[in-house]
Amino acid sequence: MPGLYLVAILVSLAGIVLLDLRFRLALRPAPGRTVAAVAIGTAFFLAWDLVGIAAGVFVKGESPLFLGVDLAPHLPLEEPVFLAFLSYLALVTWAAGMRVLARRTDAPARSEAE
């Protein structure tokens, strides 16, 4: 089924956006920094992919799940979308982890004050 991989990435991205907005992890507190971080991460990984493609290390496999649109040889349309998803997921996960750590280090101080 052509395009199923892209749909899966977009549905996953929508889920992460909903979690991010619900818990105010990255996008709501700092939309500019979030977009910049995702763009920089995506650009970095895309450059990494292009170097790998030029070196012959990365090649596109055939799959009926791909849409079939190539942006360059061995670079399917789904790749930059996945890289943006990966960068955003890492940012949201990091923000959630920082929140958990902040609450853990804050918890003893609260119990001592009571």
PDB file of N, CA and C in Angstrom:
ATOM      1  N   MET A   1       0.845  -1.177   0.000  1.00  0.00           N
ATOM      2  CA  MET A   1       0.000   0.000   0.000  1.00  0.00           C
ATOM      3  C   MET A   1       0.893   1.243   0.000  1.00  0.00           C
ATOM      4  N   PRO A   2       1.056   1.879  -1.133  1.00  0.00           N
ATOM      5  CA  PRO A   2       1.943   3.043  -1.247  1.00  0.00           C
ATOM      6  C   PRO A   2       1.529   4.177  -0.300  1.00  0.00           C
ATOM      7  N   GLY A   3       2.514   4.759   0.361  1.00  0.00           N
ATOM      8  CA  GLY A   3       2.260   5.892   1.250  1.00  0.00           C
ATOM      9  C   GLY A   3       1.981   5.524   2.686  1.00  0.00           C
ATOM     10  N   LEU A   4       1.879   4.243   2.991  1.00  0.00           N
ATOM     11  CA  LEU A   4       1.545   3.834   4.356  1.00  0.00           C
ATOM     12  C   LEU A   4       2.635   4.232   5.351  1.00  0.00           C
ATOM     13  N   TYR A   5       3.893   4.163   4.928  1.00  0.00           N
ATOM     14  CA  TYR A   5       4.999   4.550   5.812  1.00  0.00           C
ATOM     15  C   TYR A   5       4.905   6.040   6.153  1.00  0.00           C
ATOM     16  N   LEU A   6       4.627   6.867   5.172  1.00  0.00           N
ATOM     17  CA  LEU A   6       4.476   8.308   5.400  1.00  0.00           C
ATOM     18  C   LEU A   6       3.293   8.586   6.315  1.00  0.00           C
ATOM     19  N   VAL A   7       2.206   7.897   6.110  1.00  0.00           N
ATOM     20  CA  VAL A   7       1.024   8.061   6.972  1.00  0.00           C
ATOM     21  C   VAL A   7       1.361   7.670   8.409  1.00  0.00           C
ATOM     22  N   ALA A   8       2.089   6.575   8.578  1.00  0.00           N
ATOM     23  CA  ALA A   8       2.474   6.133   9.923  1.00  0.00           C
ATOM     24  C   ALA A   8       3.343   7.180  10.615  1.00  0.00           C
ATOM     25  N   ILE A   9       4.270   7.783   9.888  1.00  0.00           N
ATOM     26  CA  ILE A   9       5.120   8.825  10.470  1.00  0.00           C
ATOM     27  C   ILE A   9       4.270  10.027  10.869  1.00  0.00           C
ATOM     28  N   LEU A  10       3.359  10.441  10.008  1.00  0.00           N
ATOM     29  CA  LEU A  10       2.528  11.615  10.293  1.00  0.00           C
ATOM     30  C   LEU A  10       1.572  11.372  11.455  1.00  0.00           C
ATOM     31  N   VAL A  11       1.027  10.169  11.551  1.00  0.00           N
ATOM     32  CA  VAL A  11       0.151   9.840  12.689  1.00  0.00           C
ATOM     33  C   VAL A  11       0.961   9.836  13.981  1.00  0.00           C
ATOM     34  N   SER A  12       2.154   9.293  13.934  1.00  0.00           N
ATOM     35  CA  SER A  12       3.032   9.295  15.108  1.00  0.00           C
ATOM     36  C   SER A  12       3.411  10.713  15.495  1.00  0.00           C
ATOM     37  N   LEU A  13       3.704  11.534  14.512  1.00  0.00           N
ATOM     38  CA  LEU A  13       4.028  12.936  14.760  1.00  0.00           C
ATOM     39  C   LEU A  13       2.854  13.650  15.418  1.00  0.00           C
ATOM     40  N   ALA A  14       1.657  13.390  14.942  1.00  0.00           N
ATOM     41  CA  ALA A  14       0.466  14.008  15.536  1.00  0.00           C
ATOM     42  C   ALA A  14       0.322  13.604  17.001  1.00  0.00           C
ATOM     43  N   GLY A  15       0.597  12.356  17.310  1.00  0.00           N
ATOM     44  CA  GLY A  15       0.528  11.899  18.704  1.00  0.00           C
ATOM     45  C   GLY A  15       1.538  12.601  19.585  1.00  0.00           C
ATOM     46  N   ILE A  16       2.754  12.784  19.085  1.00  0.00           N
ATOM     47  CA  ILE A  16       3.791  13.472  19.861  1.00  0.00           C
ATOM     48  C   ILE A  16       3.425  14.948  20.030  1.00  0.00           C
ATOM     49  N   VAL A  17       2.881  15.564  19.007  1.00  0.00           N
ATOM     50  CA  VAL A  17       2.446  16.965  19.114  1.00  0.00           C
ATOM     51  C   VAL A  17       1.364  17.089  20.180  1.00  0.00           C
ATOM     52  N   LEU A  18       0.410  16.174  20.193  1.00  0.00           N
ATOM     53  CA  LEU A  18      -0.647  16.216  21.212  1.00  0.00           C
ATOM     54  C   LEU A  18      -0.080  16.069  22.623  1.00  0.00           C
ATOM     55  N   LEU A  19       0.850  15.141  22.810  1.00  0.00           N
ATOM     56  CA  LEU A  19       1.487  14.987  24.123  1.00  0.00           C
ATOM     57  C   LEU A  19       2.269  16.239  24.497  1.00  0.00           C
ATOM     58  N   ASP A  20       2.987  16.787  23.538  1.00  0.00           N
ATOM     59  CA  ASP A  20       3.767  17.997  23.782  1.00  0.00           C
ATOM     60  C   ASP A  20       2.860  19.151  24.201  1.00  0.00           C
ATOM     61  N   LEU A  21       1.785  19.355  23.469  1.00  0.00           N
ATOM     62  CA  LEU A  21       0.867  20.454  23.792  1.00  0.00           C
ATOM     63  C   LEU A  21       0.163  20.216  25.121  1.00  0.00           C
ATOM     64  N   ARG A  22      -0.220  18.980  25.374  1.00  0.00           N
ATOM     65  CA  ARG A  22      -0.931  18.654  26.621  1.00  0.00           C
ATOM     66  C   ARG A  22      -0.082  18.919  27.853  1.00  0.00           C
ATOM     67  N   PHE A  23       1.186  18.535  27.788  1.00  0.00           N
ATOM     68  CA  PHE A  23       2.068  18.668  28.947  1.00  0.00           C
ATOM     69  C   PHE A  23       2.993  19.889  28.865  1.00  0.00           C
ATOM     70  N   ARG A  24       2.788  20.707  27.835  1.00  0.00           N
ATOM     71  CA  ARG A  24       3.563  21.944  27.661  1.00  0.00           C
ATOM     72  C   ARG A  24       5.074  21.683  27.785  1.00  0.00           C
ATOM     73  N   LEU A  25       5.561  20.791  26.949  1.00  0.00           N
ATOM     74  CA  LEU A  25       6.957  20.372  27.047  1.00  0.00           C
ATOM     75  C   LEU A  25       7.901  21.229  26.202  1.00  0.00           C
ATOM     76  N   ALA A  26       7.584  21.470  24.951  1.00  0.00           N
ATOM     77  CA  ALA A  26       8.518  22.171  24.075  1.00  0.00           C
ATOM     78  C   ALA A  26       7.843  23.263  23.247  1.00  0.00           C
ATOM     79  N   LEU A  27       6.804  22.918  22.532  1.00  0.00           N
ATOM     80  CA  LEU A  27       6.213  23.842  21.566  1.00  0.00           C
ATOM     81  C   LEU A  27       5.533  25.034  22.224  1.00  0.00           C
ATOM     82  N   ARG A  28       4.751  24.820  23.253  1.00  0.00           N
ATOM     83  CA  ARG A  28       4.065  25.943  23.908  1.00  0.00           C
ATOM     84  C   ARG A  28       5.027  26.871  24.643  1.00  0.00           C
ATOM     85  N   PRO A  29       5.943  26.350  25.441  1.00  0.00           N
ATOM     86  CA  PRO A  29       6.831  27.265  26.169  1.00  0.00           C
ATOM     87  C   PRO A  29       7.804  28.028  25.264  1.00  0.00           C
ATOM     88  N   ALA A  30       8.242  27.419  24.174  1.00  0.00           N
ATOM     89  CA  ALA A  30       9.253  28.054  23.317  1.00  0.00           C
ATOM     90  C   ALA A  30       9.063  27.635  21.862  1.00  0.00           C
ATOM     91  N   PRO A  31       8.049  28.164  21.185  1.00  0.00           N
ATOM     92  CA  PRO A  31       7.790  27.711  19.807  1.00  0.00           C
ATOM     93  C   PRO A  31       8.940  28.004  18.845  1.00  0.00           C
ATOM     94  N   GLY A  32       9.559  29.152  18.957  1.00  0.00           N
ATOM     95  CA  GLY A  32      10.670  29.489  18.054  1.00  0.00           C
ATOM     96  C   GLY A  32      11.861  28.574  18.239  1.00  0.00           C
ATOM     97  N   ARG A  33      12.223  28.341  19.497  1.00  0.00           N
ATOM     98  CA  ARG A  33      13.355  27.451  19.771  1.00  0.00           C
ATOM     99  C   ARG A  33      13.047  26.024  19.357  1.00  0.00           C
ATOM    100  N   THR A  34      11.805  25.606  19.538  1.00  0.00           N
ATOM    101  CA  THR A  34      11.423  24.250  19.156  1.00  0.00           C
ATOM    102  C   THR A  34      11.541  24.060  17.650  1.00  0.00           C
ATOM    103  N   VAL A  35      10.992  24.997  16.892  1.00  0.00           N
ATOM    104  CA  VAL A  35      11.061  24.900  15.425  1.00  0.00           C
ATOM    105  C   VAL A  35      12.511  24.967  14.967  1.00  0.00           C
ATOM    106  N   ALA A  36      13.307  25.848  15.573  1.00  0.00           N
ATOM    107  CA  ALA A  36      14.718  25.968  15.197  1.00  0.00           C
ATOM    108  C   ALA A  36      15.473  24.674  15.504  1.00  0.00           C
ATOM    109  N   ALA A  37      15.237  24.101  16.674  1.00  0.00           N
ATOM    110  CA  ALA A  37      15.932  22.863  17.052  1.00  0.00           C
ATOM    111  C   ALA A  37      15.567  21.716  16.117  1.00  0.00           C
ATOM    112  N   VAL A  38      14.290  21.609  15.771  1.00  0.00           N
ATOM    113  CA  VAL A  38      13.857  20.545  14.855  1.00  0.00           C
ATOM    114  C   VAL A  38      14.449  20.781  13.465  1.00  0.00           C
ATOM    115  N   ALA A  39      14.464  22.026  13.013  1.00  0.00           N
ATOM    116  CA  ALA A  39      15.027  22.327  11.692  1.00  0.00           C
ATOM    117  C   ALA A  39      16.523  22.039  11.648  1.00  0.00           C
ATOM    118  N   ILE A  40      17.246  22.423  12.701  1.00  0.00           N
ATOM    119  CA  ILE A  40      18.688  22.180  12.745  1.00  0.00           C
ATOM    120  C   ILE A  40      18.970  20.676  12.818  1.00  0.00           C
ATOM    121  N   GLY A  41      18.221  19.961  13.644  1.00  0.00           N
ATOM    122  CA  GLY A  41      18.395  18.509  13.740  1.00  0.00           C
ATOM    123  C   GLY A  41      18.092  17.817  12.426  1.00  0.00           C
ATOM    124  N   THR A  42      17.026  18.233  11.780  1.00  0.00           N
ATOM    125  CA  THR A  42      16.651  17.643  10.494  1.00  0.00           C
ATOM    126  C   THR A  42      17.725  17.915   9.447  1.00  0.00           C
ATOM    127  N   ALA A  43      18.215  19.149   9.396  1.00  0.00           N
ATOM    128  CA  ALA A  43      19.262  19.506   8.433  1.00  0.00           C
ATOM    129  C   ALA A  43      20.536  18.701   8.685  1.00  0.00           C
ATOM    130  N   PHE A  44      20.901  18.533   9.952  1.00  0.00           N
ATOM    131  CA  PHE A  44      22.090  17.760  10.291  1.00  0.00           C
ATOM    132  C   PHE A  44      21.957  16.313   9.823  1.00  0.00           C
ATOM    133  N   PHE A  45      20.849  15.683  10.162  1.00  0.00           N
ATOM    134  CA  PHE A  45      20.664  14.280   9.782  1.00  0.00           C
ATOM    135  C   PHE A  45      20.490  14.112   8.276  1.00  0.00           C
ATOM    136  N   LEU A  46      19.904  15.098   7.619  1.00  0.00           N
ATOM    137  CA  LEU A  46      19.770  15.041   6.170  1.00  0.00           C
ATOM    138  C   LEU A  46      21.154  15.146   5.515  1.00  0.00           C
ATOM    139  N   ALA A  47      22.002  16.031   6.039  1.00  0.00           N
ATOM    140  CA  ALA A  47      23.377  16.130   5.533  1.00  0.00           C
ATOM    141  C   ALA A  47      24.119  14.814   5.767  1.00  0.00           C
ATOM    142  N   TRP A  48      23.891  14.221   6.944  1.00  0.00           N
ATOM    143  CA  TRP A  48      24.501  12.927   7.269  1.00  0.00           C
ATOM    144  C   TRP A  48      24.063  11.881   6.234  1.00  0.00           C
ATOM    145  N   ASP A  49      22.780  11.864   5.932  1.00  0.00           N
ATOM    146  CA  ASP A  49      22.257  10.923   4.941  1.00  0.00           C
ATOM    147  C   ASP A  49      22.885  11.157   3.571  1.00  0.00           C
ATOM    148  N   LEU A  50      22.995  12.423   3.171  1.00  0.00           N
ATOM    149  CA  LEU A  50      23.544  12.729   1.851  1.00  0.00           C
ATOM    150  C   LEU A  50      25.007  12.304   1.745  1.00  0.00           C
ATOM    151  N   VAL A  51      25.758  12.481   2.824  1.00  0.00           N
ATOM    152  CA  VAL A  51      27.146  12.011   2.831  1.00  0.00           C
ATOM    153  C   VAL A  51      27.171  10.480   2.730  1.00  0.00           C
ATOM    154  N   GLY A  52      26.301   9.830   3.470  1.00  0.00           N
ATOM    155  CA  GLY A  52      26.219   8.368   3.403  1.00  0.00           C
ATOM    156  C   GLY A  52      25.804   7.866   2.034  1.00  0.00           C
ATOM    157  N   ILE A  53      24.897   8.575   1.401  1.00  0.00           N
ATOM    158  CA  ILE A  53      24.459   8.201   0.048  1.00  0.00           C
ATOM    159  C   ILE A  53      25.606   8.386  -0.940  1.00  0.00           C
ATOM    160  N   ALA A  54      26.307   9.522  -0.829  1.00  0.00           N
ATOM    161  CA  ALA A  54      27.430   9.790  -1.739  1.00  0.00           C
ATOM    162  C   ALA A  54      28.541   8.761  -1.557  1.00  0.00           C
ATOM    163  N   ALA A  55      28.733   8.288  -0.327  1.00  0.00           N
ATOM    164  CA  ALA A  55      29.774   7.293  -0.057  1.00  0.00           C
ATOM    165  C   ALA A  55      29.326   5.877  -0.422  1.00  0.00           C
ATOM    166  N   GLY A  56      28.074   5.722  -0.752  1.00  0.00           N
ATOM    167  CA  GLY A  56      27.565   4.405  -1.110  1.00  0.00           C
ATOM    168  C   GLY A  56      27.178   3.547   0.079  1.00  0.00           C
ATOM    169  N   VAL A  57      27.167   4.151   1.256  1.00  0.00           N
ATOM    170  CA  VAL A  57      26.822   3.411   2.466  1.00  0.00           C
ATOM    171  C   VAL A  57      25.308   3.273   2.599  1.00  0.00           C
ATOM    172  N   PHE A  58      24.585   4.334   2.281  1.00  0.00           N
ATOM    173  CA  PHE A  58      23.127   4.319   2.391  1.00  0.00           C
ATOM    174  C   PHE A  58      22.518   4.128   1.005  1.00  0.00           C
ATOM    175  N   VAL A  59      21.661   3.163   0.889  1.00  0.00           N
ATOM    176  CA  VAL A  59      20.913   2.956  -0.346  1.00  0.00           C
ATOM    177  C   VAL A  59      19.449   2.758   0.015  1.00  0.00           C
ATOM    178  N   LYS A  60      18.592   3.177  -0.869  1.00  0.00           N
ATOM    179  CA  LYS A  60      17.156   3.033  -0.636  1.00  0.00           C
ATOM    180  C   LYS A  60      16.719   1.635  -1.026  1.00  0.00           C
ATOM    181  N   GLY A  61      16.118   0.958  -0.086  1.00  0.00           N
ATOM    182  CA  GLY A  61      15.550  -0.342  -0.392  1.00  0.00           C
ATOM    183  C   GLY A  61      14.198  -0.182  -1.059  1.00  0.00           C
ATOM    184  N   GLU A  62      13.755  -1.218  -1.656  1.00  0.00           N
ATOM    185  CA  GLU A  62      12.433  -1.193  -2.281  1.00  0.00           C
ATOM    186  C   GLU A  62      11.389  -1.641  -1.269  1.00  0.00           C
ATOM    187  N   SER A  63      10.312  -0.915  -1.214  1.00  0.00           N
ATOM    188  CA  SER A  63       9.223  -1.272  -0.315  1.00  0.00           C
ATOM    189  C   SER A  63       7.916  -0.793  -0.912  1.00  0.00           C
ATOM    190  N   PRO A  64       6.892  -1.600  -0.825  1.00  0.00           N
ATOM    191  CA  PRO A  64       5.579  -1.157  -1.314  1.00  0.00           C
ATOM    192  C   PRO A  64       4.954  -0.102  -0.393  1.00  0.00           C
ATOM    193  N   LEU A  65       5.571   0.146   0.769  1.00  0.00           N
ATOM    194  CA  LEU A  65       5.037   1.125   1.709  1.00  0.00           C
ATOM    195  C   LEU A  65       5.486   2.549   1.398  1.00  0.00           C
ATOM    196  N   PHE A  66       6.557   2.693   0.588  1.00  0.00           N
ATOM    197  CA  PHE A  66       7.024   4.016   0.188  1.00  0.00           C
ATOM    198  C   PHE A  66       6.048   4.631  -0.801  1.00  0.00           C
ATOM    199  N   LEU A  67       5.981   5.949  -0.789  1.00  0.00           N
ATOM    200  CA  LEU A  67       5.118   6.658  -1.723  1.00  0.00           C
ATOM    201  C   LEU A  67       5.631   6.545  -3.151  1.00  0.00           C
ATOM    202  N   GLY A  68       6.950   6.450  -3.283  1.00  0.00           N
ATOM    203  CA  GLY A  68       7.538   6.306  -4.614  1.00  0.00           C
ATOM    204  C   GLY A  68       8.113   7.601  -5.149  1.00  0.00           C
ATOM    205  N   VAL A  69       8.131   8.656  -4.328  1.00  0.00           N
ATOM    206  CA  VAL A  69       8.692   9.939  -4.737  1.00  0.00           C
ATOM    207  C   VAL A  69      10.094  10.042  -4.150  1.00  0.00           C
ATOM    208  N   ASP A  70      11.079  10.255  -5.030  1.00  0.00           N
ATOM    209  CA  ASP A  70      12.455  10.416  -4.577  1.00  0.00           C
ATOM    210  C   ASP A  70      12.865  11.871  -4.724  1.00  0.00           C
ATOM    211  N   LEU A  71      13.454  12.439  -3.667  1.00  0.00           N
ATOM    212  CA  LEU A  71      13.951  13.806  -3.709  1.00  0.00           C
ATOM    213  C   LEU A  71      15.330  13.861  -4.362  1.00  0.00           C
ATOM    214  N   ALA A  72      16.056  12.773  -4.254  1.00  0.00           N
ATOM    215  CA  ALA A  72      17.371  12.595  -4.871  1.00  0.00           C
ATOM    216  C   ALA A  72      17.574  11.085  -4.972  1.00  0.00           C
ATOM    217  N   PRO A  73      18.595  10.649  -5.678  1.00  0.00           N
ATOM    218  CA  PRO A  73      18.834   9.201  -5.720  1.00  0.00           C
ATOM    219  C   PRO A  73      19.027   8.642  -4.308  1.00  0.00           C
ATOM    220  N   HIS A  74      18.302   7.601  -4.001  1.00  0.00           N
ATOM    221  CA  HIS A  74      18.336   6.914  -2.700  1.00  0.00           C
ATOM    222  C   HIS A  74      17.810   7.772  -1.549  1.00  0.00           C
ATOM    223  N   LEU A  75      17.056   8.834  -1.844  1.00  0.00           N
ATOM    224  CA  LEU A  75      16.495   9.695  -0.798  1.00  0.00           C
ATOM    225  C   LEU A  75      14.987   9.829  -1.027  1.00  0.00           C
ATOM    226  N   PRO A  76      14.212   8.947  -0.415  1.00  0.00           N
ATOM    227  CA  PRO A  76      12.757   9.016  -0.601  1.00  0.00           C
ATOM    228  C   PRO A  76      12.155  10.212   0.139  1.00  0.00           C
ATOM    229  N   LEU A  77      11.008  10.630  -0.282  1.00  0.00           N
ATOM    230  CA  LEU A  77      10.288  11.750   0.334  1.00  0.00           C
ATOM    231  C   LEU A  77      10.086  11.527   1.828  1.00  0.00           C
ATOM    232  N   GLU A  78       9.906  10.291   2.220  1.00  0.00           N
ATOM    233  CA  GLU A  78       9.636   9.981   3.623  1.00  0.00           C
ATOM    234  C   GLU A  78      10.833  10.277   4.540  1.00  0.00           C
ATOM    235  N   GLU A  79      12.041  10.287   3.992  1.00  0.00           N
ATOM    236  CA  GLU A  79      13.239  10.436   4.827  1.00  0.00           C
ATOM    237  C   GLU A  79      13.310  11.776   5.571  1.00  0.00           C
ATOM    238  N   PRO A  80      13.163  12.926   4.907  1.00  0.00           N
ATOM    239  CA  PRO A  80      13.194  14.179   5.679  1.00  0.00           C
ATOM    240  C   PRO A  80      12.033  14.298   6.659  1.00  0.00           C
ATOM    241  N   VAL A  81      10.896  13.736   6.323  1.00  0.00           N
ATOM    242  CA  VAL A  81       9.754  13.756   7.253  1.00  0.00           C
ATOM    243  C   VAL A  81      10.091  12.923   8.484  1.00  0.00           C
ATOM    244  N   PHE A  82      10.682  11.755   8.267  1.00  0.00           N
ATOM    245  CA  PHE A  82      11.092  10.919   9.398  1.00  0.00           C
ATOM    246  C   PHE A  82      12.157  11.613  10.238  1.00  0.00           C
ATOM    247  N   LEU A  83      13.110  12.274   9.599  1.00  0.00           N
ATOM    248  CA  LEU A  83      14.171  12.960  10.332  1.00  0.00           C
ATOM    249  C   LEU A  83      13.616  14.112  11.167  1.00  0.00           C
ATOM    250  N   ALA A  84      12.633  14.827  10.644  1.00  0.00           N
ATOM    251  CA  ALA A  84      11.979  15.882  11.427  1.00  0.00           C
ATOM    252  C   ALA A  84      11.234  15.269  12.612  1.00  0.00           C
ATOM    253  N   PHE A  85      10.543  14.165  12.371  1.00  0.00           N
ATOM    254  CA  PHE A  85       9.856  13.459  13.458  1.00  0.00           C
ATOM    255  C   PHE A  85      10.851  13.008  14.517  1.00  0.00           C
ATOM    256  N   LEU A  86      11.965  12.442  14.095  1.00  0.00           N
ATOM    257  CA  LEU A  86      12.985  11.962  15.019  1.00  0.00           C
ATOM    258  C   LEU A  86      13.548  13.106  15.861  1.00  0.00           C
ATOM    259  N   SER A  87      13.829  14.222  15.232  1.00  0.00           N
ATOM    260  CA  SER A  87      14.361  15.389  15.952  1.00  0.00           C
ATOM    261  C   SER A  87      13.342  15.923  16.951  1.00  0.00           C
ATOM    262  N   TYR A  88      12.097  16.009  16.543  1.00  0.00           N
ATOM    263  CA  TYR A  88      11.044  16.509  17.434  1.00  0.00           C
ATOM    264  C   TYR A  88      10.801  15.542  18.594  1.00  0.00           C
ATOM    265  N   LEU A  89      10.789  14.252  18.301  1.00  0.00           N
ATOM    266  CA  LEU A  89      10.610  13.245  19.344  1.00  0.00           C
ATOM    267  C   LEU A  89      11.735  13.326  20.373  1.00  0.00           C
ATOM    268  N   ALA A  90      12.962  13.493  19.904  1.00  0.00           N
ATOM    269  CA  ALA A  90      14.099  13.613  20.820  1.00  0.00           C
ATOM    270  C   ALA A  90      13.957  14.849  21.703  1.00  0.00           C
ATOM    271  N   LEU A  91      13.520  15.953  21.121  1.00  0.00           N
ATOM    272  CA  LEU A  91      13.341  17.194  21.884  1.00  0.00           C
ATOM    273  C   LEU A  91      12.254  17.051  22.938  1.00  0.00           C
ATOM    274  N   VAL A  92      11.134  16.472  22.569  1.00  0.00           N
ATOM    275  CA  VAL A  92      10.029  16.288  23.514  1.00  0.00           C
ATOM    276  C   VAL A  92      10.429  15.307  24.613  1.00  0.00           C
ATOM    277  N   THR A  93      11.127  14.242  24.246  1.00  0.00           N
ATOM    278  CA  THR A  93      11.586  13.273  25.241  1.00  0.00           C
ATOM    279  C   THR A  93      12.567  13.920  26.214  1.00  0.00           C
ATOM    280  N   TRP A  94      13.484  14.727  25.696  1.00  0.00           N
ATOM    281  CA  TRP A  94      14.443  15.426  26.542  1.00  0.00           C
ATOM    282  C   TRP A  94      13.716  16.375  27.504  1.00  0.00           C
ATOM    283  N   ALA A  95      12.742  17.139  26.989  1.00  0.00           N
ATOM    284  CA  ALA A  95      11.992  18.071  27.836  1.00  0.00           C
ATOM    285  C   ALA A  95      11.224  17.322  28.926  1.00  0.00           C
ATOM    286  N   ALA A  96      10.634  16.193  28.577  1.00  0.00           N
ATOM    287  CA  ALA A  96       9.912  15.393  29.575  1.00  0.00           C
ATOM    288  C   ALA A  96      10.877  14.845  30.624  1.00  0.00           C
ATOM    289  N   GLY A  97      12.031  14.379  30.200  1.00  0.00           N
ATOM    290  CA  GLY A  97      13.030  13.876  31.133  1.00  0.00           C
ATOM    291  C   GLY A  97      13.529  14.963  32.066  1.00  0.00           C
ATOM    292  N   MET A  98      13.752  16.156  31.540  1.00  0.00           N
ATOM    293  CA  MET A  98      14.187  17.275  32.379  1.00  0.00           C
ATOM    294  C   MET A  98      13.123  17.638  33.406  1.00  0.00           C
ATOM    295  N   ARG A  99      11.868  17.554  32.998  1.00  0.00           N
ATOM    296  CA  ARG A  99      10.786  17.849  33.941  1.00  0.00           C
ATOM    297  C   ARG A  99      10.752  16.813  35.064  1.00  0.00           C
ATOM    298  N   VAL A 100      10.894  15.542  34.714  1.00  0.00           N
ATOM    299  CA  VAL A 100      10.900  14.483  35.726  1.00  0.00           C
ATOM    300  C   VAL A 100      12.076  14.674  36.680  1.00  0.00           C
ATOM    301  N   LEU A 101      13.255  14.957  36.151  1.00  0.00           N
ATOM    302  CA  LEU A 101      14.428  15.175  37.001  1.00  0.00           C
ATOM    303  C   LEU A 101      14.246  16.389  37.912  1.00  0.00           C
ATOM    304  N   ALA A 102      13.652  17.438  37.382  1.00  0.00           N
ATOM    305  CA  ALA A 102      13.419  18.638  38.190  1.00  0.00           C
ATOM    306  C   ALA A 102      12.457  18.332  39.333  1.00  0.00           C
ATOM    307  N   ARG A 103      11.454  17.536  39.062  1.00  0.00           N
ATOM    308  CA  ARG A 103      10.502  17.183  40.124  1.00  0.00           C
ATOM    309  C   ARG A 103      11.142  16.288  41.177  1.00  0.00           C
ATOM    310  N   ARG A 104      12.031  15.404  40.739  1.00  0.00           N
ATOM    311  CA  ARG A 104      12.702  14.512  41.694  1.00  0.00           C
ATOM    312  C   ARG A 104      13.643  15.288  42.608  1.00  0.00           C
ATOM    313  N   THR A 105      14.365  16.228  42.052  1.00  0.00           N
ATOM    314  CA  THR A 105      15.288  17.010  42.880  1.00  0.00           C
ATOM    315  C   THR A 105      14.543  18.016  43.737  1.00  0.00           C
ATOM    316  N   ASP A 106      13.351  18.392  43.314  1.00  0.00           N
ATOM    317  CA  ASP A 106      12.521  19.332  44.068  1.00  0.00           C
ATOM    318  C   ASP A 106      11.763  18.631  45.196  1.00  0.00           C
ATOM    319  N   ALA A 107      11.468  17.345  45.045  1.00  0.00           N
ATOM    320  CA  ALA A 107      10.637  16.610  46.005  1.00  0.00           C
ATOM    321  C   ALA A 107      11.231  16.596  47.415  1.00  0.00           C
ATOM    322  N   PRO A 108      12.519  16.312  47.635  1.00  0.00           N
ATOM    323  CA  PRO A 108      13.036  16.312  49.007  1.00  0.00           C
ATOM    324  C   PRO A 108      12.946  17.684  49.652  1.00  0.00           C
ATOM    325  N   ALA A 109      13.147  18.741  48.881  1.00  0.00           N
ATOM    326  CA  ALA A 109      13.067  20.084  49.431  1.00  0.00           C
ATOM    327  C   ALA A 109      11.655  20.379  49.903  1.00  0.00           C
ATOM    328  N   ARG A 110      10.675  19.931  49.198  1.00  0.00           N
ATOM    329  CA  ARG A 110       9.274  20.151  49.605  1.00  0.00           C
ATOM    330  C   ARG A 110       8.958  19.384  50.882  1.00  0.00           C
ATOM    331  N   SER A 111       9.424  18.132  50.974  1.00  0.00           N
ATOM    332  CA  SER A 111       9.084  17.341  52.158  1.00  0.00           C
ATOM    333  C   SER A 111       9.812  17.876  53.397  1.00  0.00           C
ATOM    334  N   GLU A 112      11.001  18.457  53.240  1.00  0.00           N
ATOM    335  CA  GLU A 112      11.714  19.036  54.372  1.00  0.00           C
ATOM    336  C   GLU A 112      11.018  20.297  54.870  1.00  0.00           C
ATOM    337  N   ALA A 113      10.400  21.032  53.967  1.00  0.00           N
ATOM    338  CA  ALA A 113       9.745  22.279  54.329  1.00  0.00           C
ATOM    339  C   ALA A 113       8.448  22.009  55.070  1.00  0.00           C
ATOM    340  N   GLU A 114       7.856  20.877  54.872  1.00  0.00           N
ATOM    341  CA  GLU A 114       6.560  20.566  55.505  1.00  0.00           C
ATOM    342  C   GLU A 114       6.691  20.149  56.895  1.00  0.00           C
TER     343      GLU A 114
END
